[in-house]
Amino acid sequence: MIGKWTGVPFRTFLQRIGADTTAKYVGFECADGYYSSIDMASALHPQTFLTFKISDEILAPRYGYPLSCASRPSSASRIRNGSRPCM
């Protein structure tokens, strides 16, 4: 879906939780056991966001409710795709 994503820059989230930004990768574990990761350079990119809305509406499960990681175009376009919530 093409739409306006609303969220927080992933870099800001990582800094607030005190993550080790010198690590090579960031891992994502979802409620149903799905696991994915992105490299730290992509995670820190200014166009990578933890999103909770698309087109001004709360994410639907098919878009990764409650959160999805929208990433810059040269890496995965979204970390979560489908109905598995990831946090």
N, C-alpha and C. Protein backbone atom coordinates (compact mmCIF):
# COMPACT_ATOMS: atom_id res chain seq x y z
N MET A 1 0.83 -1.18 0.00
CA MET A 1 0.00 0.00 0.00
C MET A 1 0.88 1.24 0.00
N ILE A 2 0.54 2.18 -0.83
CA ILE A 2 1.22 3.46 -0.83
C ILE A 2 0.41 4.39 0.05
N GLY A 3 1.07 5.01 0.99
CA GLY A 3 0.38 5.90 1.90
C GLY A 3 1.37 6.67 2.73
N LYS A 4 0.89 7.55 3.56
CA LYS A 4 1.73 8.33 4.45
C LYS A 4 1.90 7.55 5.75
N TRP A 5 3.13 7.17 6.05
CA TRP A 5 3.42 6.44 7.28
C TRP A 5 3.65 7.44 8.40
N THR A 6 3.13 7.14 9.59
CA THR A 6 3.31 7.98 10.77
C THR A 6 4.00 7.15 11.84
N GLY A 7 5.03 7.72 12.46
CA GLY A 7 5.74 6.99 13.49
C GLY A 7 6.90 7.80 14.05
N VAL A 8 7.86 7.09 14.58
CA VAL A 8 9.04 7.71 15.17
C VAL A 8 10.27 7.20 14.42
N PRO A 9 11.26 8.08 14.19
CA PRO A 9 12.49 7.59 13.57
C PRO A 9 13.08 6.45 14.41
N PHE A 10 13.46 5.37 13.74
CA PHE A 10 13.99 4.22 14.46
C PHE A 10 15.26 4.59 15.22
N ARG A 11 16.05 5.50 14.67
CA ARG A 11 17.27 5.98 15.34
C ARG A 11 16.91 6.56 16.72
N THR A 12 15.85 7.37 16.78
CA THR A 12 15.41 7.97 18.04
C THR A 12 15.02 6.89 19.04
N PHE A 13 14.25 5.91 18.58
CA PHE A 13 13.85 4.80 19.44
C PHE A 13 15.08 4.08 20.00
N LEU A 14 16.02 3.73 19.13
CA LEU A 14 17.21 3.01 19.58
C LEU A 14 18.01 3.82 20.59
N GLN A 15 18.13 5.11 20.38
CA GLN A 15 18.86 5.97 21.32
C GLN A 15 18.14 6.04 22.66
N ARG A 16 16.83 6.17 22.64
CA ARG A 16 16.05 6.29 23.90
C ARG A 16 16.12 5.03 24.75
N ILE A 17 16.19 3.86 24.11
CA ILE A 17 16.25 2.62 24.90
C ILE A 17 17.68 2.24 25.27
N GLY A 18 18.65 3.03 24.81
CA GLY A 18 20.05 2.77 25.13
C GLY A 18 20.64 1.60 24.36
N ALA A 19 20.16 1.38 23.14
CA ALA A 19 20.66 0.27 22.32
C ALA A 19 22.12 0.51 21.94
N ASP A 20 22.84 -0.56 21.75
CA ASP A 20 24.22 -0.50 21.29
C ASP A 20 24.22 -0.26 19.78
N THR A 21 24.36 0.98 19.36
CA THR A 21 24.30 1.31 17.94
C THR A 21 25.59 0.97 17.20
N THR A 22 26.55 0.37 17.90
CA THR A 22 27.74 -0.14 17.21
C THR A 22 27.56 -1.60 16.79
N ALA A 23 26.44 -2.20 17.18
CA ALA A 23 26.14 -3.58 16.76
C ALA A 23 25.98 -3.62 15.24
N LYS A 24 26.13 -4.80 14.65
CA LYS A 24 26.00 -4.92 13.20
C LYS A 24 24.55 -4.97 12.73
N TYR A 25 23.67 -5.56 13.56
CA TYR A 25 22.29 -5.78 13.15
C TYR A 25 21.32 -5.44 14.28
N VAL A 26 20.06 -5.21 13.88
CA VAL A 26 18.95 -5.06 14.82
C VAL A 26 17.96 -6.17 14.50
N GLY A 27 17.56 -6.92 15.53
CA GLY A 27 16.62 -8.02 15.34
C GLY A 27 15.22 -7.63 15.75
N PHE A 28 14.23 -8.23 15.07
CA PHE A 28 12.82 -8.01 15.37
C PHE A 28 12.19 -9.36 15.65
N GLU A 29 11.54 -9.48 16.81
CA GLU A 29 10.83 -10.71 17.14
C GLU A 29 9.35 -10.39 17.29
N CYS A 30 8.52 -11.16 16.62
CA CYS A 30 7.07 -10.90 16.59
C CYS A 30 6.34 -11.83 17.54
N ALA A 31 5.10 -11.48 17.81
CA ALA A 31 4.28 -12.22 18.77
C ALA A 31 4.12 -13.69 18.39
N ASP A 32 4.12 -14.00 17.09
CA ASP A 32 3.93 -15.39 16.66
C ASP A 32 5.24 -16.12 16.41
N GLY A 33 6.38 -15.52 16.83
CA GLY A 33 7.67 -16.17 16.67
C GLY A 33 8.40 -15.82 15.39
N TYR A 34 7.79 -15.04 14.50
CA TYR A 34 8.48 -14.59 13.28
C TYR A 34 9.66 -13.74 13.70
N TYR A 35 10.77 -13.87 12.99
CA TYR A 35 11.98 -13.11 13.31
C TYR A 35 12.55 -12.53 12.03
N SER A 36 13.02 -11.29 12.10
CA SER A 36 13.69 -10.65 10.98
C SER A 36 14.75 -9.71 11.54
N SER A 37 15.61 -9.21 10.68
CA SER A 37 16.62 -8.26 11.12
C SER A 37 17.01 -7.34 9.96
N ILE A 38 17.60 -6.20 10.33
CA ILE A 38 18.19 -5.29 9.34
C ILE A 38 19.55 -4.88 9.86
N ASP A 39 20.42 -4.44 8.95
CA ASP A 39 21.74 -3.99 9.39
C ASP A 39 21.59 -2.64 10.10
N MET A 40 22.55 -2.34 10.98
CA MET A 40 22.46 -1.14 11.81
C MET A 40 22.48 0.12 10.96
N ALA A 41 23.24 0.14 9.87
CA ALA A 41 23.26 1.34 9.02
C ALA A 41 21.86 1.66 8.51
N SER A 42 21.11 0.64 8.10
CA SER A 42 19.73 0.86 7.65
C SER A 42 18.84 1.28 8.81
N ALA A 43 19.05 0.69 9.97
CA ALA A 43 18.24 1.03 11.15
C ALA A 43 18.43 2.49 11.55
N LEU A 44 19.62 3.01 11.39
CA LEU A 44 19.93 4.38 11.79
C LEU A 44 19.64 5.41 10.70
N HIS A 45 19.30 4.95 9.52
CA HIS A 45 19.03 5.86 8.40
C HIS A 45 17.85 6.77 8.74
N PRO A 46 17.91 8.05 8.37
CA PRO A 46 16.83 8.98 8.71
C PRO A 46 15.46 8.62 8.12
N GLN A 47 15.41 7.75 7.12
CA GLN A 47 14.14 7.38 6.53
C GLN A 47 13.60 6.04 7.06
N THR A 48 14.19 5.52 8.14
CA THR A 48 13.70 4.29 8.75
C THR A 48 12.87 4.66 9.98
N PHE A 49 11.63 4.21 10.01
CA PHE A 49 10.68 4.58 11.07
C PHE A 49 10.02 3.36 11.69
N LEU A 50 9.70 3.44 12.97
CA LEU A 50 8.74 2.53 13.60
C LEU A 50 7.39 3.21 13.39
N THR A 51 6.53 2.58 12.64
CA THR A 51 5.27 3.22 12.27
C THR A 51 4.10 2.59 13.01
N PHE A 52 3.10 3.42 13.28
CA PHE A 52 1.89 2.94 13.94
C PHE A 52 0.63 3.40 13.20
N LYS A 53 0.82 4.24 12.17
CA LYS A 53 -0.31 4.69 11.35
C LYS A 53 0.08 4.67 9.88
N ILE A 54 -0.89 4.46 9.03
CA ILE A 54 -0.72 4.64 7.60
C ILE A 54 -1.93 5.42 7.09
N SER A 55 -1.65 6.46 6.31
CA SER A 55 -2.71 7.35 5.80
C SER A 55 -3.62 7.82 6.93
N ASP A 56 -3.00 8.20 8.07
CA ASP A 56 -3.69 8.75 9.24
C ASP A 56 -4.63 7.77 9.94
N GLU A 57 -4.49 6.48 9.69
CA GLU A 57 -5.29 5.46 10.39
C GLU A 57 -4.36 4.48 11.08
N ILE A 58 -4.77 4.01 12.27
CA ILE A 58 -4.00 3.00 13.00
C ILE A 58 -3.76 1.82 12.06
N LEU A 59 -2.56 1.26 12.11
CA LEU A 59 -2.23 0.13 11.23
C LEU A 59 -3.23 -1.01 11.40
N ALA A 60 -3.64 -1.55 10.30
CA ALA A 60 -4.48 -2.76 10.31
C ALA A 60 -3.55 -3.96 10.49
N PRO A 61 -4.07 -5.07 10.98
CA PRO A 61 -3.22 -6.26 11.14
C PRO A 61 -2.46 -6.65 9.86
N ARG A 62 -3.07 -6.45 8.70
CA ARG A 62 -2.37 -6.84 7.46
C ARG A 62 -1.16 -5.96 7.18
N TYR A 63 -1.05 -4.82 7.86
CA TYR A 63 0.12 -3.94 7.71
C TYR A 63 1.05 -4.01 8.91
N GLY A 64 0.83 -4.97 9.81
CA GLY A 64 1.75 -5.19 10.90
C GLY A 64 1.35 -4.65 12.26
N TYR A 65 0.06 -4.33 12.47
CA TYR A 65 -0.41 -3.82 13.76
C TYR A 65 0.24 -4.59 14.90
N PRO A 66 0.70 -3.97 15.96
CA PRO A 66 0.57 -2.55 16.30
C PRO A 66 1.70 -1.68 15.74
N LEU A 67 2.81 -2.28 15.36
CA LEU A 67 3.95 -1.52 14.82
C LEU A 67 4.50 -2.20 13.58
N SER A 68 5.02 -1.38 12.69
CA SER A 68 5.73 -1.88 11.53
C SER A 68 6.98 -1.03 11.38
N CYS A 69 8.01 -1.60 10.81
CA CYS A 69 9.23 -0.85 10.56
C CYS A 69 9.29 -0.52 9.08
N ALA A 70 9.08 0.75 8.76
CA ALA A 70 9.17 1.21 7.38
C ALA A 70 10.59 1.70 7.15
N SER A 71 11.23 1.14 6.15
CA SER A 71 12.64 1.41 5.92
C SER A 71 12.86 2.10 4.59
N ARG A 72 14.01 2.71 4.45
CA ARG A 72 14.34 3.40 3.21
C ARG A 72 14.27 2.45 2.02
N PRO A 73 14.04 2.96 0.84
CA PRO A 73 13.81 2.12 -0.34
C PRO A 73 14.94 1.16 -0.70
N SER A 74 16.19 1.48 -0.38
CA SER A 74 17.27 0.60 -0.81
C SER A 74 17.43 -0.64 0.07
N SER A 75 16.73 -0.69 1.21
CA SER A 75 16.70 -1.91 2.00
C SER A 75 15.28 -2.45 1.95
N ALA A 76 14.95 -3.35 2.83
CA ALA A 76 13.58 -3.89 2.84
C ALA A 76 12.59 -2.75 3.00
N SER A 77 11.54 -2.74 2.21
CA SER A 77 10.59 -1.64 2.28
C SER A 77 9.82 -1.66 3.59
N ARG A 78 9.56 -2.85 4.11
CA ARG A 78 8.95 -2.99 5.44
C ARG A 78 9.51 -4.26 6.05
N ILE A 79 9.79 -4.22 7.31
CA ILE A 79 10.27 -5.41 8.00
C ILE A 79 9.10 -6.37 8.21
N ARG A 80 7.99 -5.85 8.63
CA ARG A 80 6.81 -6.70 8.86
C ARG A 80 5.86 -6.56 7.70
N ASN A 81 5.43 -7.67 7.27
CA ASN A 81 4.46 -7.69 6.17
C ASN A 81 3.46 -8.77 6.51
N GLY A 82 2.22 -8.42 6.64
CA GLY A 82 1.23 -9.43 6.99
C GLY A 82 0.62 -9.20 8.35
N SER A 83 0.04 -10.24 8.91
CA SER A 83 -0.77 -10.07 10.11
C SER A 83 -0.05 -10.40 11.41
N ARG A 84 1.25 -10.55 11.39
CA ARG A 84 1.97 -10.88 12.62
C ARG A 84 2.47 -9.61 13.29
N PRO A 85 1.99 -9.28 14.49
CA PRO A 85 2.49 -8.08 15.14
C PRO A 85 3.95 -8.24 15.55
N CYS A 86 4.72 -7.23 15.33
CA CYS A 86 6.14 -7.21 15.67
C CYS A 86 6.43 -6.06 16.61
N MET A 87 7.24 -6.29 17.62
CA MET A 87 7.68 -5.21 18.49
C MET A 87 9.12 -5.41 18.82
